[in-house]
Amino acid sequence: MLDRIWTQRLPEAGRLARRAARSALKGAGRTSGKGEIGLVFGDDALLRRLNRTYRGIDKPTNVLSFAGEPRTPSGEAGSLGEVILARQTLVGEARAQRKPVADHLTHLVVHGVLHLLGYDHETDAEAERMERLETAILARLGIADPYAAPPRRRMTRRR
């Protein structure tokens, strides 16, 4: 689902998200089997409502993942789940971190898909494992390590 504002601000959002989801599946070793992933391009209001309802946190977040049913009752491939993005938070974070919105969108989709595959970051060990995999997947897509410290600016003297 892609709303009008997403298509105005980032026309390639759908294409980027599908590429990121496929890369996350491949990077996590998910090369066989089928299953759908829903990609929802929402806004802060939607993510705030979902975050409040399902996590008890009354504020928007950049991405949420909701696991689906990987198999139907007949044993066929079902849905891995949904990855839901908040436009305003995503764009604001990208600007604050001085990175392209497209790169941040790609990172958040990779992150969300990895959650659907069972990766998490509740402990330091889990976080390190997930971040290493995200970084490797993003590197294959030509995107810089999102967890690396930003380069420091040199101070210049005024004369």
C-alpha atoms as a PDB file:
ATOM      1  CA  MET A   1       0.000   0.000   0.000  1.00  0.00           C
ATOM      2  CA  LEU A   2       1.526   3.300  -1.081  1.00  0.00           C
ATOM      3  CA  ASP A   3      -0.252   6.557  -0.302  1.00  0.00           C
ATOM      4  CA  ARG A   4      -0.228   9.709  -2.419  1.00  0.00           C
ATOM      5  CA  ILE A   5       2.267  11.619  -0.266  1.00  0.00           C
ATOM      6  CA  TRP A   6       4.781   8.767  -0.395  1.00  0.00           C
ATOM      7  CA  THR A   7       4.593   8.732  -4.189  1.00  0.00           C
ATOM      8  CA  GLN A   8       5.058  12.517  -4.331  1.00  0.00           C
ATOM      9  CA  ARG A   9       8.025  12.601  -1.943  1.00  0.00           C
ATOM     10  CA  LEU A  10       9.763   9.369  -2.934  1.00  0.00           C
ATOM     11  CA  PRO A  11       8.299   7.987  -6.182  1.00  0.00           C
ATOM     12  CA  GLU A  12      10.666   4.991  -6.125  1.00  0.00           C
ATOM     13  CA  ALA A  13       9.634   3.903  -2.593  1.00  0.00           C
ATOM     14  CA  GLY A  14       7.806   0.772  -3.725  1.00  0.00           C
ATOM     15  CA  ARG A  15      10.647  -0.383  -5.963  1.00  0.00           C
ATOM     16  CA  LEU A  16      13.262   0.320  -3.270  1.00  0.00           C
ATOM     17  CA  ALA A  17      11.248  -1.516  -0.620  1.00  0.00           C
ATOM     18  CA  ARG A  18      10.726  -4.607  -2.783  1.00  0.00           C
ATOM     19  CA  ARG A  19      14.460  -4.699  -3.594  1.00  0.00           C
ATOM     20  CA  ALA A  20      15.327  -4.320   0.099  1.00  0.00           C
ATOM     21  CA  ALA A  21      12.910  -7.089   1.118  1.00  0.00           C
ATOM     22  CA  ARG A  22      14.314  -9.492  -1.498  1.00  0.00           C
ATOM     23  CA  SER A  23      17.875  -8.645  -0.409  1.00  0.00           C
ATOM     24  CA  ALA A  24      17.026  -9.236   3.254  1.00  0.00           C
ATOM     25  CA  LEU A  25      15.522 -12.637   2.458  1.00  0.00           C
ATOM     26  CA  LYS A  26      18.546 -13.627   0.394  1.00  0.00           C
ATOM     27  CA  GLY A  27      21.020 -12.219   2.948  1.00  0.00           C
ATOM     28  CA  ALA A  28      19.367 -14.229   5.704  1.00  0.00           C
ATOM     29  CA  GLY A  29      19.649 -17.407   3.645  1.00  0.00           C
ATOM     30  CA  ARG A  30      15.982 -17.561   2.747  1.00  0.00           C
ATOM     31  CA  THR A  31      16.446 -18.772  -0.829  1.00  0.00           C
ATOM     32  CA  SER A  32      13.743 -21.410  -1.072  1.00  0.00           C
ATOM     33  CA  GLY A  33      10.087 -21.391  -0.321  1.00  0.00           C
ATOM     34  CA  LYS A  34       7.600 -18.703  -0.972  1.00  0.00           C
ATOM     35  CA  GLY A  35       5.562 -16.392   1.120  1.00  0.00           C
ATOM     36  CA  GLU A  36       4.301 -12.884   0.850  1.00  0.00           C
ATOM     37  CA  ILE A  37       5.520  -9.843   2.709  1.00  0.00           C
ATOM     38  CA  GLY A  38       3.179  -6.897   2.945  1.00  0.00           C
ATOM     39  CA  LEU A  39       4.877  -3.512   2.676  1.00  0.00           C
ATOM     40  CA  VAL A  40       2.769  -0.699   4.101  1.00  0.00           C
ATOM     41  CA  PHE A  41       3.776   2.908   3.564  1.00  0.00           C
ATOM     42  CA  GLY A  42       2.006   4.717   6.373  1.00  0.00           C
ATOM     43  CA  ASP A  43       2.378   7.910   8.322  1.00  0.00           C
ATOM     44  CA  ASP A  44       3.201   8.811  11.909  1.00  0.00           C
ATOM     45  CA  ALA A  45      -0.459   8.677  12.949  1.00  0.00           C
ATOM     46  CA  LEU A  46      -0.798   5.057  11.801  1.00  0.00           C
ATOM     47  CA  LEU A  47       2.467   3.949  13.418  1.00  0.00           C
ATOM     48  CA  ARG A  48       1.581   5.747  16.642  1.00  0.00           C
ATOM     49  CA  ARG A  49      -1.781   3.973  16.764  1.00  0.00           C
ATOM     50  CA  LEU A  50      -0.189   0.565  16.063  1.00  0.00           C
ATOM     51  CA  ASN A  51       2.658   1.180  18.504  1.00  0.00           C
ATOM     52  CA  ARG A  52       0.180   2.161  21.230  1.00  0.00           C
ATOM     53  CA  THR A  53      -2.147  -0.779  20.557  1.00  0.00           C
ATOM     54  CA  TYR A  54       0.419  -3.555  20.195  1.00  0.00           C
ATOM     55  CA  ARG A  55       3.413  -2.346  22.181  1.00  0.00           C
ATOM     56  CA  GLY A  56       1.887   0.025  24.756  1.00  0.00           C
ATOM     57  CA  ILE A  57       4.086   2.897  23.534  1.00  0.00           C
ATOM     58  CA  ASP A  58       2.115   6.044  22.721  1.00  0.00           C
ATOM     59  CA  LYS A  59       4.369   7.564  20.062  1.00  0.00           C
ATOM     60  CA  PRO A  60       5.190   6.893  16.441  1.00  0.00           C
ATOM     61  CA  THR A  61       8.158   4.774  15.459  1.00  0.00           C
ATOM     62  CA  ASN A  62       9.968   4.430  12.154  1.00  0.00           C
ATOM     63  CA  VAL A  63       9.058   0.800  11.366  1.00  0.00           C
ATOM     64  CA  LEU A  64       6.976  -2.011  12.815  1.00  0.00           C
ATOM     65  CA  SER A  65       6.883  -5.644  11.763  1.00  0.00           C
ATOM     66  CA  PHE A  66       3.970  -7.987  12.311  1.00  0.00           C
ATOM     67  CA  ALA A  67       4.546 -11.700  11.750  1.00  0.00           C
ATOM     68  CA  GLY A  68       2.100 -13.556   9.562  1.00  0.00           C
ATOM     69  CA  GLU A  69       1.324 -17.207   9.060  1.00  0.00           C
ATOM     70  CA  PRO A  70       4.133 -18.716   6.961  1.00  0.00           C
ATOM     71  CA  ARG A  71       1.973 -21.709   6.012  1.00  0.00           C
ATOM     72  CA  THR A  72      -1.699 -22.013   5.173  1.00  0.00           C
ATOM     73  CA  PRO A  73      -3.724 -24.816   6.767  1.00  0.00           C
ATOM     74  CA  SER A  74      -3.192 -26.815   3.551  1.00  0.00           C
ATOM     75  CA  GLY A  75       0.597 -26.434   3.903  1.00  0.00           C
ATOM     76  CA  GLU A  76       1.067 -23.883   1.128  1.00  0.00           C
ATOM     77  CA  ALA A  77       3.247 -20.818   1.573  1.00  0.00           C
ATOM     78  CA  GLY A  78       1.381 -18.061   3.329  1.00  0.00           C
ATOM     79  CA  SER A  79       2.394 -14.629   4.540  1.00  0.00           C
ATOM     80  CA  LEU A  80       5.627 -13.909   6.361  1.00  0.00           C
ATOM     81  CA  GLY A  81       3.969 -10.762   7.667  1.00  0.00           C
ATOM     82  CA  GLU A  82       3.943  -7.017   7.187  1.00  0.00           C
ATOM     83  CA  VAL A  83       6.535  -4.281   7.421  1.00  0.00           C
ATOM     84  CA  ILE A  84       4.932  -0.908   8.118  1.00  0.00           C
ATOM     85  CA  LEU A  85       6.829   2.368   7.684  1.00  0.00           C
ATOM     86  CA  ALA A  86       6.110   5.870   9.020  1.00  0.00           C
ATOM     87  CA  ARG A  87       6.869   8.523   6.410  1.00  0.00           C
ATOM     88  CA  GLN A  88       7.434  11.542   8.659  1.00  0.00           C
ATOM     89  CA  THR A  89       9.636   9.707  11.152  1.00  0.00           C
ATOM     90  CA  LEU A  90      11.653   8.017   8.404  1.00  0.00           C
ATOM     91  CA  VAL A  91      12.249  11.284   6.522  1.00  0.00           C
ATOM     92  CA  GLY A  92      13.049  13.188   9.736  1.00  0.00           C
ATOM     93  CA  GLU A  93      15.579  10.568  10.843  1.00  0.00           C
ATOM     94  CA  ALA A  94      17.250  10.528   7.426  1.00  0.00           C
ATOM     95  CA  ARG A  95      17.621  14.300   7.467  1.00  0.00           C
ATOM     96  CA  ALA A  96      18.907  14.346  11.061  1.00  0.00           C
ATOM     97  CA  GLN A  97      21.435  11.624  10.226  1.00  0.00           C
ATOM     98  CA  ARG A  98      22.374  13.352   6.947  1.00  0.00           C
ATOM     99  CA  LYS A  99      21.726  10.303   4.824  1.00  0.00           C
ATOM    100  CA  PRO A 100      19.614   9.821   1.710  1.00  0.00           C
ATOM    101  CA  VAL A 101      15.957   9.064   2.441  1.00  0.00           C
ATOM    102  CA  ALA A 102      16.147   6.161  -0.029  1.00  0.00           C
ATOM    103  CA  ASP A 103      19.035   4.601   1.935  1.00  0.00           C
ATOM    104  CA  HIS A 104      17.183   4.947   5.243  1.00  0.00           C
ATOM    105  CA  LEU A 105      14.024   3.473   3.722  1.00  0.00           C
ATOM    106  CA  THR A 106      16.057   0.519   2.437  1.00  0.00           C
ATOM    107  CA  HIS A 107      17.649   0.001   5.853  1.00  0.00           C
ATOM    108  CA  LEU A 108      14.314   0.054   7.661  1.00  0.00           C
ATOM    109  CA  VAL A 109      12.764  -2.456   5.253  1.00  0.00           C
ATOM    110  CA  VAL A 110      15.771  -4.778   5.672  1.00  0.00           C
ATOM    111  CA  HIS A 111      15.469  -4.363   9.451  1.00  0.00           C
ATOM    112  CA  GLY A 112      11.736  -5.083   9.381  1.00  0.00           C
ATOM    113  CA  VAL A 113      12.070  -8.167   7.184  1.00  0.00           C
ATOM    114  CA  LEU A 114      14.770  -9.579   9.438  1.00  0.00           C
ATOM    115  CA  HIS A 115      12.337  -9.230  12.338  1.00  0.00           C
ATOM    116  CA  LEU A 116       9.815 -11.273  10.339  1.00  0.00           C
ATOM    117  CA  LEU A 117      12.485 -13.957   9.958  1.00  0.00           C
ATOM    118  CA  GLY A 118      13.027 -14.149  13.719  1.00  0.00           C
ATOM    119  CA  TYR A 119      15.942 -11.771  14.232  1.00  0.00           C
ATOM    120  CA  ASP A 120      15.744  -9.411  17.186  1.00  0.00           C
ATOM    121  CA  HIS A 121      17.800  -6.971  19.225  1.00  0.00           C
ATOM    122  CA  GLU A 122      16.597  -7.512  22.766  1.00  0.00           C
ATOM    123  CA  THR A 123      20.045  -8.521  24.025  1.00  0.00           C
ATOM    124  CA  ASP A 124      23.465  -7.159  23.081  1.00  0.00           C
ATOM    125  CA  ALA A 125      24.367 -10.452  21.364  1.00  0.00           C
ATOM    126  CA  GLU A 126      21.138 -10.444  19.335  1.00  0.00           C
ATOM    127  CA  ALA A 127      21.645  -6.795  18.403  1.00  0.00           C
ATOM    128  CA  GLU A 128      25.216  -7.415  17.238  1.00  0.00           C
ATOM    129  CA  ARG A 129      24.134 -10.394  15.143  1.00  0.00           C
ATOM    130  CA  MET A 130      21.247  -8.506  13.556  1.00  0.00           C
ATOM    131  CA  GLU A 131      23.296  -5.346  12.936  1.00  0.00           C
ATOM    132  CA  ARG A 132      26.120  -7.340  11.296  1.00  0.00           C
ATOM    133  CA  LEU A 133      23.631  -8.995   8.957  1.00  0.00           C
ATOM    134  CA  GLU A 134      21.874  -5.685   8.163  1.00  0.00           C
ATOM    135  CA  THR A 135      25.224  -4.037   7.438  1.00  0.00           C
ATOM    136  CA  ALA A 136      26.274  -6.876   5.116  1.00  0.00           C
ATOM    137  CA  ILE A 137      22.962  -6.812   3.231  1.00  0.00           C
ATOM    138  CA  LEU A 138      23.091  -3.032   2.859  1.00  0.00           C
ATOM    139  CA  ALA A 139      26.733  -3.154   1.696  1.00  0.00           C
ATOM    140  CA  ARG A 140      25.674  -5.475  -1.149  1.00  0.00           C
ATOM    141  CA  LEU A 141      23.158  -2.786  -2.106  1.00  0.00           C
ATOM    142  CA  GLY A 142      25.815  -0.072  -2.026  1.00  0.00           C
ATOM    143  CA  ILE A 143      24.553   1.522   1.200  1.00  0.00           C
ATOM    144  CA  ALA A 144      26.902   2.611   3.985  1.00  0.00           C
ATOM    145  CA  ASP A 145      26.847   1.006   7.438  1.00  0.00           C
ATOM    146  CA  PRO A 146      23.931   2.701   9.234  1.00  0.00           C
ATOM    147  CA  TYR A 147      25.469   1.903  12.619  1.00  0.00           C
ATOM    148  CA  ALA A 148      28.862   3.472  11.937  1.00  0.00           C
ATOM    149  CA  ALA A 149      29.617   6.687  13.760  1.00  0.00           C
ATOM    150  CA  PRO A 150      29.073   9.686  11.492  1.00  0.00           C
ATOM    151  CA  PRO A 151      32.267  11.339  10.287  1.00  0.00           C
ATOM    152  CA  ARG A 152      33.350  14.196  12.495  1.00  0.00           C
ATOM    153  CA  ARG A 153      33.445  17.631  10.968  1.00  0.00           C
ATOM    154  CA  ARG A 154      36.651  19.530  11.106  1.00  0.00           C
ATOM    155  CA  MET A 155      36.419  22.890  12.704  1.00  0.00           C
ATOM    156  CA  THR A 156      37.770  25.672  10.558  1.00  0.00           C
ATOM    157  CA  ARG A 157      38.968  28.968  11.858  1.00  0.00           C
ATOM    158  CA  ARG A 158      37.471  32.154  10.658  1.00  0.00           C
ATOM    159  CA  ARG A 159      39.908  34.847   9.723  1.00  0.00           C
END
